[in-house]
Amino acid sequence: MARAIGINHVALEVGDIEAAVTFYRSIFGLPERGRAPGMAFLDMGDQFLALSERRAADPDGARHFGLVVDDKEAVRQALEEVGIRSSSSRRLDFHDPWGNFVEVVDYRDIQFTKDPAVLRGMGVEDLRKHDAALAELRAKGLVD
């Protein structure tokens, strides 16, 4: 049996590709990776965000994806600057202009780990896990 080892990309349906590219690039600084008819791809190091122009449903409620960032509070500020409401607690959740529900998590607080070479290539090699995240990784035997 094959084992899942990670997420290659997340695909979101949006109402306007150009507006969605502008939005996600302005909040997260994601470089554009490529295009296909009705789609745009934004790079996140060794992963990517796929934007597909087809949004016709109601906004998502609980269905969401978690986006890992190096500075959660900078994201909160960027969202405020473009008029997007976010959660006001320790969590950072928001709906994009097309109703997609996004949870933003800080790399230092979670188990998700990037290879040091990938972090270096992304210009964020100085990120260090917080103690709780390291304890979770150690408990699973994933780090020393």
Protein backbone atom coordinates (compact mmCIF):
# COMPACT_ATOMS: atom_id res chain seq x y z
CA MET A 1 0.00 0.00 0.00
CA ALA A 2 1.29 3.48 -0.84
CA ARG A 3 1.66 5.93 2.04
CA ALA A 4 0.65 9.58 1.78
CA ILE A 5 3.71 11.70 2.56
CA GLY A 6 2.45 15.24 2.15
CA ILE A 7 0.36 17.68 0.19
CA ASN A 8 1.59 18.77 -3.23
CA HIS A 9 -0.99 21.50 -3.72
CA VAL A 10 -4.36 22.88 -2.69
CA ALA A 11 -6.89 23.86 -5.36
CA LEU A 12 -9.40 26.64 -4.75
CA GLU A 13 -12.31 27.68 -6.92
CA VAL A 14 -12.53 31.44 -7.42
CA GLY A 15 -14.78 33.76 -9.38
CA ASP A 16 -12.00 35.76 -11.05
CA ILE A 17 -8.51 34.39 -11.71
CA GLU A 18 -6.78 37.75 -12.06
CA ALA A 19 -8.36 39.13 -8.89
CA ALA A 20 -7.50 35.92 -7.00
CA VAL A 21 -3.87 36.00 -8.15
CA THR A 22 -3.64 39.63 -7.05
CA PHE A 23 -5.27 38.86 -3.69
CA TYR A 24 -3.12 35.84 -2.77
CA ARG A 25 0.07 37.50 -3.98
CA SER A 26 -0.69 40.66 -1.97
CA ILE A 27 -1.36 38.74 1.26
CA PHE A 28 1.26 35.99 1.07
CA GLY A 29 3.76 37.19 -1.56
CA LEU A 30 3.40 34.00 -3.59
CA PRO A 31 5.20 34.11 -6.94
CA GLU A 32 3.25 32.95 -9.95
CA ARG A 33 4.31 29.47 -11.11
CA GLY A 34 2.29 29.14 -14.29
CA ARG A 35 -1.07 29.25 -16.04
CA ALA A 36 -3.47 26.94 -17.80
CA PRO A 37 -6.85 27.81 -19.31
CA GLY A 38 -9.02 29.00 -16.40
CA MET A 39 -6.26 28.34 -13.83
CA ALA A 40 -3.28 30.00 -12.20
CA PHE A 41 -0.65 28.40 -9.99
CA LEU A 42 1.16 30.21 -7.17
CA ASP A 43 4.42 28.82 -5.83
CA MET A 44 5.05 27.93 -2.16
CA GLY A 45 8.54 26.46 -2.37
CA ASP A 46 8.05 22.74 -3.00
CA GLN A 47 4.23 23.06 -2.99
CA PHE A 48 1.73 25.32 -4.74
CA LEU A 49 -1.71 26.88 -4.63
CA ALA A 50 -3.90 26.19 -7.68
CA LEU A 51 -6.63 28.75 -8.44
CA SER A 52 -9.45 27.56 -10.67
CA GLU A 53 -12.06 29.90 -12.14
CA ARG A 54 -15.37 28.16 -11.42
CA ARG A 55 -16.69 29.38 -8.06
CA ALA A 56 -20.48 29.13 -8.15
CA ALA A 57 -21.34 27.65 -4.75
CA ASP A 58 -22.03 29.25 -1.39
CA PRO A 59 -19.02 30.14 0.79
CA ASP A 60 -17.39 27.25 2.62
CA GLY A 61 -18.37 26.81 6.25
CA ALA A 62 -16.08 24.37 8.03
CA ARG A 63 -14.26 22.97 4.96
CA HIS A 64 -10.90 24.74 4.78
CA PHE A 65 -7.20 24.40 4.25
CA GLY A 66 -4.41 25.44 6.58
CA LEU A 67 -1.73 27.63 5.08
CA VAL A 68 1.63 27.60 6.87
CA VAL A 69 3.41 30.95 7.16
CA ASP A 70 6.53 32.35 8.77
CA ASP A 71 4.72 35.34 10.35
CA LYS A 72 1.05 34.94 11.22
CA GLU A 73 0.66 38.49 12.55
CA ALA A 74 1.99 39.97 9.29
CA VAL A 75 -0.79 38.07 7.50
CA ARG A 76 -3.38 39.44 9.94
CA GLN A 77 -2.13 42.98 9.21
CA ALA A 78 -2.14 42.44 5.43
CA LEU A 79 -5.72 41.15 5.60
CA GLU A 80 -6.79 44.22 7.59
CA GLU A 81 -5.14 46.49 5.01
CA VAL A 82 -7.24 45.00 2.19
CA GLY A 83 -10.44 44.97 4.24
CA ILE A 84 -10.73 41.22 4.88
CA ARG A 85 -12.14 40.30 8.29
CA SER A 86 -10.25 37.62 10.17
CA SER A 87 -10.75 35.86 13.46
CA SER A 88 -9.82 38.02 16.42
CA SER A 89 -8.40 35.30 18.66
CA ARG A 90 -5.04 33.51 18.73
CA ARG A 91 -6.27 31.67 15.64
CA LEU A 92 -6.14 33.33 12.27
CA ASP A 93 -8.99 32.28 9.98
CA PHE A 94 -10.58 34.20 7.13
CA HIS A 95 -12.75 33.82 4.04
CA ASP A 96 -11.16 34.99 0.81
CA PRO A 97 -13.27 37.17 -1.53
CA TRP A 98 -14.72 33.99 -3.15
CA GLY A 99 -15.79 32.37 0.13
CA ASN A 100 -12.90 29.91 0.51
CA PHE A 101 -12.17 29.39 4.22
CA VAL A 102 -8.46 29.67 5.05
CA GLU A 103 -6.76 28.88 8.36
CA VAL A 104 -3.32 30.43 8.77
CA VAL A 105 -0.83 28.67 11.05
CA ASP A 106 2.70 29.61 12.08
CA TYR A 107 5.42 27.18 10.96
CA ARG A 108 7.03 27.34 14.41
CA ASP A 109 3.85 26.08 16.14
CA ILE A 110 3.05 22.94 14.12
CA GLN A 111 4.53 19.55 13.25
CA PHE A 112 4.77 20.25 9.50
CA THR A 113 8.47 20.44 8.68
CA LYS A 114 10.27 21.57 5.54
CA ASP A 115 13.68 20.25 4.56
CA PRO A 116 16.37 22.80 5.52
CA ALA A 117 17.41 23.10 1.85
CA VAL A 118 13.85 24.04 0.86
CA LEU A 119 13.61 26.59 3.70
CA ARG A 120 16.92 28.08 2.61
CA GLY A 121 15.72 28.30 -0.98
CA MET A 122 12.57 30.07 0.22
CA GLY A 123 14.62 32.57 2.25
CA VAL A 124 13.23 31.49 5.62
CA GLU A 125 16.04 29.30 6.93
CA ASP A 126 16.03 30.98 10.35
CA LEU A 127 12.65 29.54 11.42
CA ARG A 128 12.88 27.42 14.56
CA LYS A 129 10.10 25.23 15.92
CA HIS A 130 8.57 26.15 19.28
CA ASP A 131 8.97 23.64 22.13
CA ALA A 132 5.45 22.21 21.86
CA ALA A 133 5.86 21.45 18.14
CA LEU A 134 9.26 19.86 18.77
CA ALA A 135 7.77 17.70 21.54
CA GLU A 136 5.09 16.43 19.14
CA LEU A 137 7.71 15.61 16.52
CA ARG A 138 9.94 13.85 19.08
CA ALA A 139 7.00 11.81 20.40
CA LYS A 140 6.50 10.44 16.89
CA GLY A 141 10.22 9.77 16.45
CA LEU A 142 10.45 12.28 13.59
CA VAL A 143 13.27 14.40 15.09
CA ASP A 144 15.99 13.85 17.67
